[in-house]
């Protein structure tokens, strides 16, 4: 059995692995605004259920739930892409700072 150390990964691959392991989350989901929106959504759900009746509500509930799920996936995807862009910008900036420290031409000079 060969237990040699893993070869060094290319930076892009390591970043992709880090992003895949990172939980997509946003401060919004811990905010008061989110809690108020959830309360409003729950109240609207109760009003719709009361208007439609229990039988009709049970019929359409899976569709409403799937729409909510898809919207959640959309927001998670947007959060991830924003994080990736910010991380790439930070890497480029770090590279430019390193080059400037070595006396080479950069965006700073």
N, C-alpha and C. Protein backbone atom coordinates (compact mmCIF):
# COMPACT_ATOMS: atom_id res chain seq x y z
N UNK A 1 0.85 -1.17 0.00
CA UNK A 1 0.00 0.00 0.00
C UNK A 1 0.90 1.24 0.00
N UNK A 2 0.69 2.10 -0.97
CA UNK A 2 1.48 3.32 -1.09
C UNK A 2 0.77 4.46 -0.37
N UNK A 3 1.39 5.04 0.64
CA UNK A 3 0.79 6.16 1.36
C UNK A 3 1.64 7.41 1.21
N UNK A 4 2.05 7.65 -0.02
CA UNK A 4 2.83 8.86 -0.28
C UNK A 4 1.92 10.08 -0.17
N UNK A 5 2.50 11.24 0.14
CA UNK A 5 1.67 12.43 0.28
C UNK A 5 1.01 12.82 -1.05
N UNK A 6 -0.13 13.47 -0.93
CA UNK A 6 -0.83 13.93 -2.13
C UNK A 6 0.03 14.93 -2.89
N UNK A 7 -0.02 14.86 -4.22
CA UNK A 7 0.72 15.87 -4.99
C UNK A 7 0.10 17.25 -4.77
N UNK A 8 0.87 18.28 -4.96
CA UNK A 8 0.37 19.64 -4.79
C UNK A 8 -0.65 19.93 -5.89
N UNK A 9 -1.79 20.44 -5.47
CA UNK A 9 -2.86 20.75 -6.42
C UNK A 9 -2.62 22.11 -7.05
N UNK A 10 -3.06 22.27 -8.29
CA UNK A 10 -3.04 23.61 -8.88
C UNK A 10 -3.94 24.54 -8.07
N UNK A 11 -3.60 25.82 -8.02
CA UNK A 11 -4.35 26.79 -7.22
C UNK A 11 -5.83 26.80 -7.59
N UNK A 12 -6.14 26.81 -8.88
CA UNK A 12 -7.55 26.85 -9.31
C UNK A 12 -8.34 25.67 -8.79
N UNK A 13 -7.71 24.48 -8.79
CA UNK A 13 -8.38 23.28 -8.30
C UNK A 13 -8.60 23.36 -6.79
N UNK A 14 -7.60 23.86 -6.08
CA UNK A 14 -7.72 24.00 -4.63
C UNK A 14 -8.82 24.99 -4.26
N UNK A 15 -8.90 26.09 -5.02
CA UNK A 15 -9.95 27.09 -4.77
C UNK A 15 -11.32 26.50 -5.04
N UNK A 16 -11.46 25.76 -6.15
CA UNK A 16 -12.75 25.15 -6.48
C UNK A 16 -13.17 24.17 -5.38
N UNK A 17 -12.21 23.38 -4.88
CA UNK A 17 -12.52 22.44 -3.81
C UNK A 17 -12.97 23.19 -2.55
N UNK A 18 -12.28 24.29 -2.24
CA UNK A 18 -12.64 25.08 -1.07
C UNK A 18 -14.05 25.66 -1.24
N UNK A 19 -14.38 26.16 -2.43
CA UNK A 19 -15.70 26.72 -2.67
C UNK A 19 -16.78 25.64 -2.60
N UNK A 20 -16.47 24.44 -3.10
CA UNK A 20 -17.44 23.35 -3.05
C UNK A 20 -17.70 22.91 -1.61
N UNK A 21 -16.66 22.95 -0.77
CA UNK A 21 -16.82 22.55 0.62
C UNK A 21 -17.49 23.62 1.47
N UNK A 22 -17.41 24.86 1.01
CA UNK A 22 -17.95 25.98 1.78
C UNK A 22 -19.48 25.95 1.71
N UNK A 23 -20.12 26.13 2.83
CA UNK A 23 -21.57 26.19 2.87
C UNK A 23 -22.01 27.55 2.31
N UNK A 24 -22.93 27.51 1.38
CA UNK A 24 -23.44 28.77 0.82
C UNK A 24 -24.39 29.37 1.86
N UNK A 25 -23.98 30.44 2.46
CA UNK A 25 -24.83 31.12 3.43
C UNK A 25 -24.66 32.61 3.27
N UNK A 26 -25.56 33.31 3.86
CA UNK A 26 -25.57 34.76 3.72
C UNK A 26 -26.06 35.36 5.04
N UNK A 27 -25.51 36.49 5.39
CA UNK A 27 -25.93 37.15 6.63
C UNK A 27 -27.42 37.47 6.62
N UNK A 28 -28.00 37.61 5.44
CA UNK A 28 -29.43 37.91 5.34
C UNK A 28 -30.27 36.89 6.09
N UNK A 29 -29.88 35.62 6.02
CA UNK A 29 -30.67 34.56 6.65
C UNK A 29 -30.60 34.58 8.17
N UNK A 30 -29.73 35.41 8.70
CA UNK A 30 -29.66 35.56 10.16
C UNK A 30 -30.17 36.94 10.60
N UNK A 31 -30.74 37.69 9.68
CA UNK A 31 -31.12 39.07 9.97
C UNK A 31 -32.58 39.16 10.41
N UNK A 32 -32.90 40.33 11.00
CA UNK A 32 -34.29 40.61 11.38
C UNK A 32 -35.16 40.73 10.15
N UNK A 33 -34.61 41.25 9.07
CA UNK A 33 -35.37 41.39 7.83
C UNK A 33 -35.86 40.02 7.36
N UNK A 34 -34.98 39.03 7.41
CA UNK A 34 -35.36 37.68 7.00
C UNK A 34 -36.48 37.15 7.90
N UNK A 35 -36.34 37.35 9.20
CA UNK A 35 -37.37 36.86 10.13
C UNK A 35 -38.72 37.52 9.86
N UNK A 36 -38.70 38.85 9.60
CA UNK A 36 -39.95 39.54 9.28
C UNK A 36 -40.56 39.00 7.99
N UNK A 37 -39.71 38.75 6.99
CA UNK A 37 -40.21 38.21 5.72
C UNK A 37 -40.78 36.81 5.89
N UNK A 38 -40.15 35.99 6.74
CA UNK A 38 -40.68 34.64 6.99
C UNK A 38 -42.04 34.72 7.70
N UNK A 39 -42.17 35.65 8.65
CA UNK A 39 -43.45 35.81 9.34
C UNK A 39 -44.54 36.25 8.36
N UNK A 40 -44.21 37.19 7.47
CA UNK A 40 -45.18 37.63 6.46
C UNK A 40 -45.56 36.48 5.54
N UNK A 41 -44.57 35.69 5.13
CA UNK A 41 -44.84 34.55 4.25
C UNK A 41 -45.75 33.53 4.94
N UNK A 42 -45.50 33.27 6.21
CA UNK A 42 -46.33 32.32 6.96
C UNK A 42 -47.76 32.83 7.08
N UNK A 43 -47.91 34.12 7.33
CA UNK A 43 -49.25 34.72 7.43
C UNK A 43 -49.99 34.61 6.09
N UNK A 44 -49.27 34.89 5.00
CA UNK A 44 -49.89 34.75 3.67
C UNK A 44 -50.26 33.30 3.38
N UNK A 45 -49.43 32.36 3.77
CA UNK A 45 -49.75 30.94 3.61
C UNK A 45 -51.04 30.59 4.35
N UNK A 46 -51.18 31.09 5.58
CA UNK A 46 -52.40 30.81 6.36
C UNK A 46 -53.63 31.41 5.68
N UNK A 47 -53.50 32.63 5.16
CA UNK A 47 -54.64 33.28 4.49
C UNK A 47 -55.04 32.52 3.24
N UNK A 48 -54.06 32.09 2.46
CA UNK A 48 -54.36 31.33 1.23
C UNK A 48 -55.02 30.01 1.59
N UNK A 49 -54.49 29.32 2.60
CA UNK A 49 -55.06 28.04 3.02
C UNK A 49 -56.51 28.22 3.45
N UNK A 50 -56.78 29.29 4.18
CA UNK A 50 -58.14 29.54 4.66
C UNK A 50 -59.09 29.82 3.49
N UNK A 51 -58.62 30.59 2.51
CA UNK A 51 -59.45 30.91 1.34
C UNK A 51 -59.73 29.70 0.46
N UNK A 52 -58.69 28.89 0.22
CA UNK A 52 -58.83 27.78 -0.71
C UNK A 52 -59.48 26.56 -0.09
N UNK A 53 -59.33 26.40 1.18
CA UNK A 53 -59.82 25.19 1.83
C UNK A 53 -58.70 24.17 1.92
N UNK A 54 -58.84 23.27 2.88
CA UNK A 54 -57.78 22.31 3.17
C UNK A 54 -57.50 21.37 2.01
N UNK A 55 -58.54 20.88 1.32
CA UNK A 55 -58.35 19.91 0.23
C UNK A 55 -57.58 20.54 -0.93
N UNK A 56 -57.98 21.72 -1.35
CA UNK A 56 -57.29 22.39 -2.45
C UNK A 56 -55.87 22.75 -2.04
N UNK A 57 -55.72 23.19 -0.80
CA UNK A 57 -54.39 23.55 -0.30
C UNK A 57 -53.43 22.36 -0.39
N UNK A 58 -53.90 21.19 0.04
CA UNK A 58 -53.05 20.00 -0.02
C UNK A 58 -52.68 19.65 -1.46
N UNK A 59 -53.57 19.94 -2.40
CA UNK A 59 -53.31 19.65 -3.81
C UNK A 59 -52.21 20.54 -4.36
N UNK A 60 -52.24 21.84 -4.02
CA UNK A 60 -51.27 22.76 -4.60
C UNK A 60 -50.01 22.94 -3.76
N UNK A 61 -50.01 22.48 -2.50
CA UNK A 61 -48.87 22.69 -1.62
C UNK A 61 -47.54 22.16 -2.19
N UNK A 62 -47.49 20.97 -2.79
CA UNK A 62 -46.21 20.50 -3.34
C UNK A 62 -45.62 21.46 -4.39
N UNK A 63 -46.48 22.09 -5.18
CA UNK A 63 -46.00 23.02 -6.20
C UNK A 63 -45.44 24.29 -5.56
N UNK A 64 -46.15 24.80 -4.57
CA UNK A 64 -45.68 26.00 -3.86
C UNK A 64 -44.35 25.71 -3.17
N UNK A 65 -44.26 24.55 -2.54
CA UNK A 65 -43.03 24.16 -1.85
C UNK A 65 -41.87 24.06 -2.84
N UNK A 66 -42.11 23.49 -4.01
CA UNK A 66 -41.05 23.35 -5.01
C UNK A 66 -40.59 24.72 -5.52
N UNK A 67 -41.52 25.65 -5.68
CA UNK A 67 -41.15 27.01 -6.10
C UNK A 67 -40.25 27.65 -5.05
N UNK A 68 -40.62 27.51 -3.78
CA UNK A 68 -39.79 28.05 -2.69
C UNK A 68 -38.39 27.44 -2.72
N UNK A 69 -38.34 26.13 -2.94
CA UNK A 69 -37.05 25.43 -3.00
C UNK A 69 -36.19 25.96 -4.15
N UNK A 70 -36.79 26.12 -5.32
CA UNK A 70 -36.05 26.62 -6.49
C UNK A 70 -35.56 28.05 -6.26
N UNK A 71 -36.37 28.87 -5.63
CA UNK A 71 -35.93 30.23 -5.34
C UNK A 71 -34.76 30.22 -4.35
N UNK A 72 -34.80 29.32 -3.39
CA UNK A 72 -33.68 29.18 -2.45
C UNK A 72 -32.40 28.77 -3.16
N UNK A 73 -32.53 27.83 -4.11
CA UNK A 73 -31.37 27.39 -4.89
C UNK A 73 -30.81 28.55 -5.71
N UNK A 74 -31.69 29.37 -6.28
CA UNK A 74 -31.27 30.52 -7.07
C UNK A 74 -30.46 31.49 -6.20
N UNK A 75 -30.97 31.80 -5.01
CA UNK A 75 -30.28 32.73 -4.13
C UNK A 75 -28.94 32.17 -3.66
N UNK A 76 -28.90 30.86 -3.39
CA UNK A 76 -27.63 30.24 -2.99
C UNK A 76 -26.62 30.32 -4.12
N UNK A 77 -27.08 30.12 -5.35
CA UNK A 77 -26.19 30.22 -6.51
C UNK A 77 -25.66 31.63 -6.70
N UNK A 78 -26.52 32.62 -6.49
CA UNK A 78 -26.07 34.01 -6.60
C UNK A 78 -25.05 34.34 -5.53
N UNK A 79 -25.29 33.87 -4.31
CA UNK A 79 -24.35 34.10 -3.22
C UNK A 79 -23.00 33.48 -3.55
N UNK A 80 -23.02 32.27 -4.07
CA UNK A 80 -21.77 31.58 -4.40
C UNK A 80 -21.01 32.32 -5.49
N UNK A 81 -21.71 32.75 -6.55
CA UNK A 81 -21.01 33.43 -7.64
C UNK A 81 -20.42 34.76 -7.16
N UNK A 82 -21.12 35.46 -6.27
CA UNK A 82 -20.58 36.71 -5.73
C UNK A 82 -19.34 36.43 -4.89
N UNK A 83 -19.37 35.36 -4.11
CA UNK A 83 -18.22 34.99 -3.29
C UNK A 83 -17.03 34.65 -4.19
N UNK A 84 -17.28 33.87 -5.27
CA UNK A 84 -16.20 33.49 -6.18
C UNK A 84 -15.57 34.72 -6.83
N UNK A 85 -16.40 35.66 -7.28
CA UNK A 85 -15.87 36.87 -7.90
C UNK A 85 -15.03 37.66 -6.91
N UNK A 86 -15.50 37.81 -5.68
CA UNK A 86 -14.76 38.54 -4.67
C UNK A 86 -13.45 37.85 -4.33
N UNK A 87 -13.47 36.52 -4.27
CA UNK A 87 -12.26 35.78 -3.97
C UNK A 87 -11.24 35.92 -5.10
N UNK A 88 -11.71 35.84 -6.35
CA UNK A 88 -10.81 36.01 -7.50
C UNK A 88 -10.21 37.42 -7.50
N UNK A 89 -11.01 38.42 -7.20
CA UNK A 89 -10.50 39.79 -7.13
C UNK A 89 -9.43 39.91 -6.05
N UNK A 90 -9.67 39.27 -4.90
CA UNK A 90 -8.69 39.33 -3.80
C UNK A 90 -7.38 38.66 -4.21
N UNK A 91 -7.46 37.54 -4.93
CA UNK A 91 -6.24 36.87 -5.38
C UNK A 91 -5.46 37.75 -6.36
N UNK A 92 -6.16 38.38 -7.28
CA UNK A 92 -5.50 39.26 -8.24
C UNK A 92 -4.85 40.46 -7.54
N UNK A 93 -5.55 41.03 -6.58
CA UNK A 93 -5.01 42.16 -5.83
C UNK A 93 -3.77 41.73 -5.03
N UNK A 94 -3.83 40.56 -4.41
CA UNK A 94 -2.68 40.05 -3.66
C UNK A 94 -1.48 39.87 -4.59
N UNK A 95 -1.73 39.37 -5.79
CA UNK A 95 -0.66 39.20 -6.77
C UNK A 95 -0.05 40.55 -7.16
N UNK A 96 -0.89 41.55 -7.36
CA UNK A 96 -0.41 42.88 -7.73
C UNK A 96 0.41 43.50 -6.59
N UNK A 97 -0.02 43.31 -5.36
CA UNK A 97 0.73 43.82 -4.21
C UNK A 97 2.08 43.13 -4.11
N UNK A 98 2.09 41.81 -4.35
CA UNK A 98 3.34 41.06 -4.32
C UNK A 98 4.29 41.56 -5.40
N UNK A 99 3.78 41.79 -6.61
CA UNK A 99 4.61 42.30 -7.71
C UNK A 99 5.14 43.70 -7.39
N UNK A 100 4.30 44.54 -6.79
CA UNK A 100 4.74 45.89 -6.42
C UNK A 100 5.85 45.81 -5.38
N UNK A 101 5.74 44.86 -4.46
CA UNK A 101 6.77 44.68 -3.43
C UNK A 101 8.11 44.26 -4.02
N UNK A 102 8.07 43.62 -5.18
CA UNK A 102 9.30 43.20 -5.85
C UNK A 102 9.84 44.27 -6.79
N UNK A 103 9.15 45.43 -6.82
CA UNK A 103 9.61 46.53 -7.65
C UNK A 103 9.18 46.45 -9.10
N UNK A 104 8.28 45.57 -9.43
CA UNK A 104 7.81 45.43 -10.82
C UNK A 104 6.64 46.35 -11.08
N UNK A 105 6.37 46.60 -12.36
CA UNK A 105 5.23 47.46 -12.72
C UNK A 105 3.92 46.74 -12.39
N UNK A 106 3.01 47.48 -11.79
CA UNK A 106 1.71 46.93 -11.41
C UNK A 106 0.65 48.00 -11.65
N UNK A 107 -0.55 47.71 -11.23
CA UNK A 107 -1.64 48.69 -11.34
C UNK A 107 -1.40 49.90 -10.44
N UNK A 108 -0.48 49.77 -9.49
CA UNK A 108 -0.22 50.84 -8.54
C UNK A 108 0.79 51.87 -9.03
N UNK A 109 1.54 51.54 -10.10
CA UNK A 109 2.55 52.50 -10.57
C UNK A 109 2.52 52.66 -12.08
